[in-house]
Amino acid sequence: MGSRSPYLLDGRPIKNTGMISSAYKKALLRKYHVICRQLGITEAEKQAIKDSYGISSSRSLTEKQLSDLINRLLSGQDLSVGHKTKNEIWRKRVMASIGGWLRSIGKQESADTIKAIACRATGYTNFNKIPISRLRTIYYEFRRKSETITQTNQIKNDLIEYLKFSN
């Protein structure tokens, strides 16, 4: 049992009995689920965490894995293991939404241009330093901009067609 922490969550030392170990693991599981709820981690995200460990239930995690996972959650570290991180996914979404907006207004698009627009929209100087919350905001904003332009163009085209036939 050398891989497990010698203290309970409340700081009391663990005695070397099987029952305490079981109580310790239950306390870790409880803490994991409380932290997930407090951080707003969805069931799909929890499932992705379990998938990264190759398990179907969080109860299958060892005490060390649970402890490490809790520490990573509390420190805000990346939870992916060999998968794309949330940050990468949101950065790609942002790049796609800004690229779509640039295409809809007939402008040239490049990765540098898109990153510059994202930085300007968020006030950050480095694209990779933009937090997920800001990435979400600009992703949805540029999606709305693109949809608005598409709808406006559709209305304009419908009006032109109407005027052609009414004259």
N, C-alpha and C. Protein backbone atom coordinates (compact mmCIF):
# COMPACT_ATOMS: atom_id res chain seq x y z
N MET A 1 0.82 -1.20 0.00
CA MET A 1 0.00 0.00 0.00
C MET A 1 0.85 1.25 0.00
N GLY A 2 2.08 1.16 -0.42
CA GLY A 2 3.00 2.28 -0.33
C GLY A 2 2.67 3.43 -1.25
N SER A 3 1.80 3.24 -2.27
CA SER A 3 1.52 4.31 -3.22
C SER A 3 0.46 5.28 -2.72
N ARG A 4 -0.21 4.93 -1.62
CA ARG A 4 -1.29 5.78 -1.15
C ARG A 4 -0.78 6.77 -0.12
N SER A 5 -1.47 7.91 -0.04
CA SER A 5 -1.10 8.94 0.92
C SER A 5 -1.33 8.43 2.34
N PRO A 6 -0.46 8.75 3.30
CA PRO A 6 -0.62 8.24 4.66
C PRO A 6 -1.61 9.04 5.49
N TYR A 7 -2.34 9.99 4.90
CA TYR A 7 -3.26 10.83 5.66
C TYR A 7 -4.62 10.86 5.00
N LEU A 8 -5.66 10.94 5.83
CA LEU A 8 -7.01 11.14 5.31
C LEU A 8 -7.16 12.58 4.84
N LEU A 9 -8.28 12.85 4.19
CA LEU A 9 -8.51 14.19 3.64
C LEU A 9 -8.54 15.26 4.74
N ASP A 10 -8.96 14.88 5.94
CA ASP A 10 -9.02 15.86 7.02
C ASP A 10 -7.71 15.99 7.79
N GLY A 11 -6.65 15.29 7.32
CA GLY A 11 -5.34 15.43 7.94
C GLY A 11 -5.00 14.38 8.97
N ARG A 12 -5.96 13.53 9.35
CA ARG A 12 -5.69 12.48 10.33
C ARG A 12 -4.87 11.37 9.68
N PRO A 13 -3.95 10.78 10.43
CA PRO A 13 -3.13 9.69 9.86
C PRO A 13 -3.98 8.45 9.61
N ILE A 14 -3.61 7.70 8.59
CA ILE A 14 -4.31 6.46 8.26
C ILE A 14 -3.65 5.32 9.02
N LYS A 15 -4.48 4.52 9.67
CA LYS A 15 -3.98 3.32 10.34
C LYS A 15 -3.96 2.20 9.32
N ASN A 16 -3.11 1.26 9.47
CA ASN A 16 -2.88 0.21 8.50
C ASN A 16 -3.91 -0.91 8.63
N THR A 17 -5.19 -0.63 8.30
CA THR A 17 -6.22 -1.66 8.26
C THR A 17 -6.95 -1.55 6.94
N GLY A 18 -7.53 -2.64 6.51
CA GLY A 18 -8.27 -2.65 5.24
C GLY A 18 -9.49 -1.73 5.27
N MET A 19 -10.14 -1.64 6.43
CA MET A 19 -11.34 -0.81 6.55
C MET A 19 -11.02 0.67 6.34
N ILE A 20 -9.91 1.13 6.89
CA ILE A 20 -9.54 2.53 6.73
C ILE A 20 -9.22 2.81 5.26
N SER A 21 -8.54 1.88 4.62
CA SER A 21 -8.21 2.05 3.21
C SER A 21 -9.49 2.19 2.39
N SER A 22 -10.48 1.38 2.71
CA SER A 22 -11.76 1.46 2.02
C SER A 22 -12.43 2.80 2.30
N ALA A 23 -12.37 3.26 3.54
CA ALA A 23 -12.94 4.56 3.89
C ALA A 23 -12.21 5.69 3.18
N TYR A 24 -10.89 5.54 3.08
CA TYR A 24 -10.09 6.55 2.40
C TYR A 24 -10.48 6.65 0.92
N LYS A 25 -10.65 5.48 0.28
CA LYS A 25 -11.04 5.49 -1.13
C LYS A 25 -12.43 6.08 -1.31
N LYS A 26 -13.35 5.74 -0.40
CA LYS A 26 -14.70 6.32 -0.48
C LYS A 26 -14.65 7.84 -0.32
N ALA A 27 -13.80 8.30 0.60
CA ALA A 27 -13.65 9.75 0.80
C ALA A 27 -13.08 10.41 -0.46
N LEU A 28 -12.12 9.74 -1.09
CA LEU A 28 -11.56 10.28 -2.34
C LEU A 28 -12.61 10.33 -3.44
N LEU A 29 -13.40 9.27 -3.57
CA LEU A 29 -14.46 9.24 -4.59
C LEU A 29 -15.47 10.36 -4.35
N ARG A 30 -15.85 10.54 -3.08
CA ARG A 30 -16.79 11.62 -2.74
C ARG A 30 -16.20 12.97 -3.11
N LYS A 31 -14.93 13.17 -2.75
CA LYS A 31 -14.27 14.44 -3.05
C LYS A 31 -14.19 14.66 -4.55
N TYR A 32 -13.86 13.61 -5.31
CA TYR A 32 -13.79 13.70 -6.77
C TYR A 32 -15.12 14.17 -7.35
N HIS A 33 -16.22 13.54 -6.90
CA HIS A 33 -17.54 13.90 -7.44
C HIS A 33 -17.97 15.31 -7.01
N VAL A 34 -17.64 15.70 -5.81
CA VAL A 34 -17.96 17.06 -5.34
C VAL A 34 -17.20 18.09 -6.18
N ILE A 35 -15.92 17.83 -6.41
CA ILE A 35 -15.11 18.76 -7.20
C ILE A 35 -15.64 18.84 -8.63
N CYS A 36 -16.00 17.69 -9.20
CA CYS A 36 -16.56 17.69 -10.56
C CYS A 36 -17.82 18.54 -10.62
N ARG A 37 -18.69 18.39 -9.62
CA ARG A 37 -19.92 19.17 -9.59
C ARG A 37 -19.61 20.66 -9.44
N GLN A 38 -18.67 21.01 -8.57
CA GLN A 38 -18.31 22.41 -8.34
C GLN A 38 -17.68 23.03 -9.59
N LEU A 39 -16.91 22.25 -10.34
CA LEU A 39 -16.26 22.77 -11.55
C LEU A 39 -17.18 22.73 -12.77
N GLY A 40 -18.37 22.15 -12.61
CA GLY A 40 -19.30 22.09 -13.72
C GLY A 40 -18.92 21.07 -14.79
N ILE A 41 -18.25 20.02 -14.38
CA ILE A 41 -17.84 18.98 -15.33
C ILE A 41 -19.07 18.13 -15.66
N THR A 42 -19.37 18.02 -16.94
CA THR A 42 -20.55 17.30 -17.39
C THR A 42 -20.33 15.79 -17.33
N GLU A 43 -21.43 15.05 -17.47
CA GLU A 43 -21.32 13.59 -17.49
C GLU A 43 -20.47 13.12 -18.67
N ALA A 44 -20.59 13.80 -19.80
CA ALA A 44 -19.79 13.43 -20.97
C ALA A 44 -18.31 13.65 -20.69
N GLU A 45 -17.98 14.73 -20.00
CA GLU A 45 -16.59 15.00 -19.66
C GLU A 45 -16.07 13.99 -18.64
N LYS A 46 -16.93 13.61 -17.68
CA LYS A 46 -16.53 12.58 -16.72
C LYS A 46 -16.28 11.26 -17.45
N GLN A 47 -17.14 10.96 -18.43
CA GLN A 47 -16.97 9.74 -19.20
C GLN A 47 -15.65 9.78 -19.98
N ALA A 48 -15.31 10.93 -20.50
CA ALA A 48 -14.03 11.06 -21.22
C ALA A 48 -12.86 10.83 -20.28
N ILE A 49 -12.98 11.31 -19.05
CA ILE A 49 -11.92 11.06 -18.06
C ILE A 49 -11.81 9.57 -17.80
N LYS A 50 -12.96 8.90 -17.60
CA LYS A 50 -12.94 7.46 -17.36
C LYS A 50 -12.36 6.71 -18.56
N ASP A 51 -12.74 7.14 -19.76
CA ASP A 51 -12.22 6.51 -20.97
C ASP A 51 -10.71 6.65 -21.07
N SER A 52 -10.20 7.80 -20.63
CA SER A 52 -8.76 8.00 -20.70
C SER A 52 -8.00 7.05 -19.77
N TYR A 53 -8.69 6.58 -18.71
CA TYR A 53 -8.08 5.61 -17.81
C TYR A 53 -8.43 4.18 -18.22
N GLY A 54 -9.32 4.03 -19.20
CA GLY A 54 -9.71 2.70 -19.66
C GLY A 54 -10.62 1.98 -18.68
N ILE A 55 -11.48 2.73 -18.00
CA ILE A 55 -12.39 2.14 -17.02
C ILE A 55 -13.80 2.57 -17.33
N SER A 56 -14.78 1.87 -16.72
CA SER A 56 -16.17 2.24 -16.95
C SER A 56 -16.80 2.92 -15.74
N SER A 57 -16.12 2.85 -14.59
CA SER A 57 -16.65 3.46 -13.37
C SER A 57 -15.51 4.12 -12.61
N SER A 58 -15.81 5.25 -11.99
CA SER A 58 -14.77 5.93 -11.21
C SER A 58 -14.36 5.08 -10.01
N ARG A 59 -15.21 4.14 -9.60
CA ARG A 59 -14.86 3.24 -8.49
C ARG A 59 -13.70 2.33 -8.85
N SER A 60 -13.43 2.17 -10.15
CA SER A 60 -12.34 1.31 -10.58
C SER A 60 -10.97 1.98 -10.48
N LEU A 61 -10.96 3.28 -10.23
CA LEU A 61 -9.69 3.99 -10.08
C LEU A 61 -9.01 3.58 -8.78
N THR A 62 -7.70 3.53 -8.80
CA THR A 62 -6.96 3.25 -7.57
C THR A 62 -6.93 4.52 -6.72
N GLU A 63 -6.52 4.36 -5.48
CA GLU A 63 -6.43 5.51 -4.59
C GLU A 63 -5.45 6.54 -5.14
N LYS A 64 -4.32 6.06 -5.67
CA LYS A 64 -3.32 6.97 -6.22
C LYS A 64 -3.88 7.70 -7.44
N GLN A 65 -4.58 6.98 -8.33
CA GLN A 65 -5.16 7.61 -9.50
C GLN A 65 -6.19 8.66 -9.09
N LEU A 66 -7.03 8.33 -8.12
CA LEU A 66 -8.03 9.28 -7.63
C LEU A 66 -7.36 10.52 -7.03
N SER A 67 -6.35 10.29 -6.22
CA SER A 67 -5.65 11.40 -5.60
C SER A 67 -5.00 12.30 -6.65
N ASP A 68 -4.34 11.69 -7.63
CA ASP A 68 -3.72 12.47 -8.71
C ASP A 68 -4.77 13.22 -9.52
N LEU A 69 -5.88 12.56 -9.81
CA LEU A 69 -6.96 13.18 -10.58
C LEU A 69 -7.54 14.38 -9.83
N ILE A 70 -7.76 14.22 -8.55
CA ILE A 70 -8.28 15.32 -7.73
C ILE A 70 -7.30 16.50 -7.74
N ASN A 71 -6.02 16.21 -7.58
CA ASN A 71 -5.01 17.27 -7.60
C ASN A 71 -4.99 17.98 -8.95
N ARG A 72 -5.13 17.23 -10.03
CA ARG A 72 -5.14 17.83 -11.37
C ARG A 72 -6.38 18.69 -11.56
N LEU A 73 -7.52 18.22 -11.05
CA LEU A 73 -8.75 19.02 -11.16
C LEU A 73 -8.61 20.32 -10.37
N LEU A 74 -8.09 20.23 -9.17
CA LEU A 74 -7.96 21.41 -8.32
C LEU A 74 -6.93 22.41 -8.85
N SER A 75 -5.91 21.91 -9.53
CA SER A 75 -4.88 22.82 -10.05
C SER A 75 -5.20 23.30 -11.46
N GLY A 76 -6.30 22.78 -12.05
CA GLY A 76 -6.69 23.23 -13.38
C GLY A 76 -5.84 22.64 -14.48
N GLN A 77 -5.12 21.57 -14.20
CA GLN A 77 -4.28 20.94 -15.22
C GLN A 77 -5.13 20.21 -16.24
N ASP A 78 -4.51 19.95 -17.39
CA ASP A 78 -5.14 19.22 -18.46
C ASP A 78 -5.44 17.80 -18.00
N LEU A 79 -6.66 17.34 -18.25
CA LEU A 79 -7.06 16.01 -17.82
C LEU A 79 -6.94 14.99 -18.93
N SER A 80 -6.65 15.40 -20.12
CA SER A 80 -6.63 14.45 -21.23
C SER A 80 -5.37 13.61 -21.18
N VAL A 81 -5.52 12.40 -21.61
CA VAL A 81 -4.38 11.49 -21.69
C VAL A 81 -4.35 11.00 -23.13
N GLY A 82 -3.54 11.64 -23.95
CA GLY A 82 -3.45 11.23 -25.34
C GLY A 82 -4.60 11.73 -26.20
N HIS A 83 -5.47 12.53 -25.68
CA HIS A 83 -6.58 13.07 -26.43
C HIS A 83 -6.40 14.58 -26.57
N LYS A 84 -7.22 15.17 -27.43
CA LYS A 84 -7.16 16.62 -27.56
C LYS A 84 -7.67 17.26 -26.28
N THR A 85 -7.03 18.33 -25.88
CA THR A 85 -7.47 19.03 -24.68
C THR A 85 -8.65 19.92 -25.02
N LYS A 86 -9.36 20.34 -23.99
CA LYS A 86 -10.47 21.26 -24.20
C LYS A 86 -9.98 22.54 -24.86
N ASN A 87 -8.82 23.01 -24.42
CA ASN A 87 -8.27 24.24 -25.00
C ASN A 87 -8.05 24.08 -26.49
N GLU A 88 -7.46 22.96 -26.90
CA GLU A 88 -7.21 22.73 -28.33
C GLU A 88 -8.51 22.71 -29.11
N ILE A 89 -9.50 22.04 -28.56
CA ILE A 89 -10.79 21.95 -29.24
C ILE A 89 -11.41 23.33 -29.41
N TRP A 90 -11.40 24.15 -28.34
CA TRP A 90 -11.99 25.48 -28.43
C TRP A 90 -11.18 26.39 -29.33
N ARG A 91 -9.87 26.25 -29.36
CA ARG A 91 -9.05 27.07 -30.26
C ARG A 91 -9.38 26.74 -31.72
N LYS A 92 -9.54 25.46 -32.01
CA LYS A 92 -9.89 25.07 -33.38
C LYS A 92 -11.29 25.56 -33.75
N ARG A 93 -12.21 25.50 -32.81
CA ARG A 93 -13.56 26.01 -33.06
C ARG A 93 -13.53 27.50 -33.35
N VAL A 94 -12.75 28.23 -32.55
CA VAL A 94 -12.64 29.67 -32.75
C VAL A 94 -12.05 29.97 -34.12
N MET A 95 -10.99 29.24 -34.47
CA MET A 95 -10.37 29.48 -35.77
C MET A 95 -11.36 29.18 -36.90
N ALA A 96 -12.15 28.13 -36.75
CA ALA A 96 -13.14 27.79 -37.77
C ALA A 96 -14.24 28.85 -37.86
N SER A 97 -14.71 29.33 -36.72
CA SER A 97 -15.79 30.32 -36.75
C SER A 97 -15.31 31.66 -37.32
N ILE A 98 -14.11 32.08 -36.97
CA ILE A 98 -13.59 33.33 -37.52
C ILE A 98 -13.30 33.15 -39.01
N GLY A 99 -12.76 31.99 -39.38
CA GLY A 99 -12.53 31.71 -40.80
C GLY A 99 -13.82 31.73 -41.60
N GLY A 100 -14.88 31.16 -41.05
CA GLY A 100 -16.19 31.19 -41.72
C GLY A 100 -16.71 32.61 -41.86
N TRP A 101 -16.51 33.41 -40.83
CA TRP A 101 -16.95 34.81 -40.90
C TRP A 101 -16.17 35.56 -41.98
N LEU A 102 -14.85 35.35 -42.03
CA LEU A 102 -14.03 36.01 -43.05
C LEU A 102 -14.47 35.60 -44.45
N ARG A 103 -14.77 34.31 -44.65
CA ARG A 103 -15.26 33.86 -45.96
C ARG A 103 -16.59 34.50 -46.29
N SER A 104 -17.46 34.63 -45.30
CA SER A 104 -18.79 35.19 -45.56
C SER A 104 -18.74 36.67 -45.94
N ILE A 105 -17.70 37.38 -45.51
CA ILE A 105 -17.59 38.79 -45.91
C ILE A 105 -16.62 38.97 -47.08
N GLY A 106 -16.13 37.84 -47.62
CA GLY A 106 -15.28 37.89 -48.80
C GLY A 106 -13.84 38.31 -48.55
N LYS A 107 -13.35 38.09 -47.37
CA LYS A 107 -11.96 38.45 -47.04
C LYS A 107 -11.08 37.22 -47.09
N GLN A 108 -9.78 37.45 -47.33
CA GLN A 108 -8.81 36.37 -47.33
C GLN A 108 -8.63 35.88 -45.89
N GLU A 109 -8.43 34.59 -45.75
CA GLU A 109 -8.22 34.05 -44.41
C GLU A 109 -6.88 33.31 -44.36
N SER A 110 -6.23 33.45 -43.24
CA SER A 110 -5.01 32.70 -42.95
C SER A 110 -4.97 32.49 -41.44
N ALA A 111 -4.17 31.54 -41.01
CA ALA A 111 -4.09 31.24 -39.57
C ALA A 111 -3.63 32.46 -38.79
N ASP A 112 -2.66 33.20 -39.33
CA ASP A 112 -2.16 34.38 -38.62
C ASP A 112 -3.23 35.46 -38.52
N THR A 113 -3.98 35.66 -39.60
CA THR A 113 -5.06 36.66 -39.59
C THR A 113 -6.12 36.28 -38.57
N ILE A 114 -6.50 35.01 -38.58
CA ILE A 114 -7.54 34.53 -37.67
C ILE A 114 -7.08 34.68 -36.22
N LYS A 115 -5.85 34.31 -35.94
CA LYS A 115 -5.34 34.43 -34.56
C LYS A 115 -5.26 35.89 -34.14
N ALA A 116 -4.89 36.76 -35.06
CA ALA A 116 -4.82 38.19 -34.75
C ALA A 116 -6.21 38.73 -34.42
N ILE A 117 -7.21 38.32 -35.18
CA ILE A 117 -8.59 38.76 -34.92
C ILE A 117 -9.05 38.25 -33.56
N ALA A 118 -8.74 37.00 -33.25
CA ALA A 118 -9.14 36.43 -31.96
C ALA A 118 -8.47 37.17 -30.81
N CYS A 119 -7.20 37.48 -30.97
CA CYS A 119 -6.47 38.21 -29.92
C CYS A 119 -7.05 39.61 -29.75
N ARG A 120 -7.35 40.24 -30.86
CA ARG A 120 -7.91 41.59 -30.78
C ARG A 120 -9.29 41.57 -30.14
N ALA A 121 -10.08 40.55 -30.46
CA ALA A 121 -11.43 40.44 -29.90
C ALA A 121 -11.41 40.17 -28.40
N THR A 122 -10.38 39.50 -27.92
CA THR A 122 -10.33 39.15 -26.50
C THR A 122 -9.43 40.06 -25.67
N GLY A 123 -8.55 40.81 -26.34
CA GLY A 123 -7.64 41.68 -25.60
C GLY A 123 -6.36 40.98 -25.17
N TYR A 124 -6.15 39.75 -25.62
CA TYR A 124 -4.92 39.03 -25.29
C TYR A 124 -3.90 39.22 -26.41
N THR A 125 -2.63 39.10 -26.07
CA THR A 125 -1.58 39.27 -27.08
C THR A 125 -1.11 37.94 -27.64
N ASN A 126 -1.44 36.84 -26.97
CA ASN A 126 -1.03 35.52 -27.43
C ASN A 126 -2.26 34.64 -27.55
N PHE A 127 -2.51 34.10 -28.73
CA PHE A 127 -3.69 33.27 -28.99
C PHE A 127 -3.74 32.07 -28.04
N ASN A 128 -2.61 31.47 -27.76
CA ASN A 128 -2.59 30.28 -26.91
C ASN A 128 -2.80 30.58 -25.43
N LYS A 129 -2.82 31.83 -25.06
CA LYS A 129 -3.04 32.22 -23.66
C LYS A 129 -4.50 32.58 -23.39
N ILE A 130 -5.33 32.60 -24.42
CA ILE A 130 -6.74 32.96 -24.23
C ILE A 130 -7.43 31.83 -23.47
N PRO A 131 -8.10 32.15 -22.35
CA PRO A 131 -8.77 31.10 -21.57
C PRO A 131 -10.02 30.58 -22.29
N ILE A 132 -10.44 29.39 -21.90
CA ILE A 132 -11.59 28.74 -22.55
C ILE A 132 -12.84 29.61 -22.50
N SER A 133 -13.07 30.29 -21.40
CA SER A 133 -14.28 31.11 -21.28
C SER A 133 -14.32 32.19 -22.36
N ARG A 134 -13.18 32.81 -22.62
CA ARG A 134 -13.12 33.84 -23.67
C ARG A 134 -13.22 33.20 -25.06
N LEU A 135 -12.61 32.03 -25.22
CA LEU A 135 -12.69 31.33 -26.51
C LEU A 135 -14.15 31.00 -26.83
N ARG A 136 -14.89 30.54 -25.83
CA ARG A 136 -16.32 30.24 -26.05
C ARG A 136 -17.07 31.50 -26.49
N THR A 137 -16.80 32.59 -25.81
CA THR A 137 -17.50 33.83 -26.11
C THR A 137 -17.27 34.27 -27.55
N ILE A 138 -16.01 34.29 -27.98
CA ILE A 138 -15.77 34.76 -29.35
C ILE A 138 -16.20 33.73 -30.39
N TYR A 139 -16.15 32.45 -30.03
CA TYR A 139 -16.64 31.42 -30.95
C TYR A 139 -18.10 31.68 -31.28
N TYR A 140 -18.93 31.83 -30.23
CA TYR A 140 -20.36 32.04 -30.45
C TYR A 140 -20.63 33.39 -31.12
N GLU A 141 -19.85 34.40 -30.78
CA GLU A 141 -20.04 35.71 -31.39
C GLU A 141 -19.77 35.67 -32.89
N PHE A 142 -18.68 35.03 -33.29
CA PHE A 142 -18.38 34.96 -34.72
C PHE A 142 -19.33 34.02 -35.45
N ARG A 143 -19.86 33.01 -34.77
CA ARG A 143 -20.90 32.17 -35.39
C ARG A 143 -22.14 33.02 -35.64
N ARG A 144 -22.50 33.86 -34.66
CA ARG A 144 -23.68 34.73 -34.85
C ARG A 144 -23.45 35.72 -35.98
N LYS A 145 -22.26 36.27 -36.05
CA LYS A 145 -21.94 37.21 -37.13
C LYS A 145 -22.09 36.54 -38.49
N SER A 146 -21.57 35.33 -38.62
CA SER A 146 -21.67 34.60 -39.88
C SER A 146 -23.12 34.31 -40.24
N GLU A 147 -23.89 33.87 -39.25
CA GLU A 147 -25.30 33.58 -39.50
C GLU A 147 -26.06 34.83 -39.91
N THR A 148 -25.76 35.94 -39.27
CA THR A 148 -26.42 37.21 -39.60
C THR A 148 -26.11 37.61 -41.04
N ILE A 149 -24.86 37.48 -41.44
CA ILE A 149 -24.47 37.84 -42.80
C ILE A 149 -25.16 36.92 -43.81
N THR A 150 -25.22 35.63 -43.49
CA THR A 150 -25.89 34.68 -44.37
C THR A 150 -27.37 35.02 -44.51
N GLN A 151 -28.03 35.31 -43.41
CA GLN A 151 -29.44 35.66 -43.45
C GLN A 151 -29.66 36.97 -44.21
N THR A 152 -28.79 37.94 -43.99
CA THR A 152 -28.89 39.22 -44.68
C THR A 152 -28.73 39.03 -46.19
N ASN A 153 -27.76 38.23 -46.58
CA ASN A 153 -27.56 37.97 -48.01
C ASN A 153 -28.76 37.25 -48.61
N GLN A 154 -29.37 36.33 -47.86
CA GLN A 154 -30.55 35.63 -48.35
C GLN A 154 -31.71 36.59 -48.54
N ILE A 155 -31.92 37.49 -47.59
CA ILE A 155 -32.99 38.49 -47.71
C ILE A 155 -32.72 39.41 -48.91
N LYS A 156 -31.47 39.83 -49.06
CA LYS A 156 -31.10 40.68 -50.19
C LYS A 156 -31.37 39.98 -51.51
N ASN A 157 -30.97 38.72 -51.62
CA ASN A 157 -31.19 37.97 -52.85
C ASN A 157 -32.67 37.76 -53.13
N ASP A 158 -33.45 37.48 -52.08
CA ASP A 158 -34.90 37.33 -52.25
C ASP A 158 -35.52 38.64 -52.72
N LEU A 159 -35.08 39.75 -52.18
CA LEU A 159 -35.60 41.06 -52.57
C LEU A 159 -35.25 41.37 -54.02
N ILE A 160 -34.05 41.05 -54.44
CA ILE A 160 -33.63 41.28 -55.82
C ILE A 160 -34.49 40.44 -56.77
N GLU A 161 -34.72 39.18 -56.41
CA GLU A 161 -35.58 38.32 -57.24
C GLU A 161 -37.00 38.87 -57.31
N TYR A 162 -37.51 39.35 -56.21
CA TYR A 162 -38.86 39.92 -56.19
C TYR A 162 -38.93 41.15 -57.08
N LEU A 163 -37.94 42.00 -56.98
CA LEU A 163 -37.92 43.22 -57.80
C LEU A 163 -37.78 42.91 -59.28
N LYS A 164 -37.05 41.87 -59.63
CA LYS A 164 -36.92 41.48 -61.03
C LYS A 164 -38.27 41.12 -61.64
N PHE A 165 -39.06 40.38 -60.90
CA PHE A 165 -40.34 39.91 -61.42
C PHE A 165 -41.46 40.95 -61.27
N SER A 166 -41.29 41.90 -60.39
CA SER A 166 -42.36 42.89 -60.21
C SER A 166 -42.24 44.07 -61.18
N ASN A 167 -41.11 44.21 -61.84
CA ASN A 167 -40.95 45.31 -62.78
C ASN A 167 -41.28 44.91 -64.15
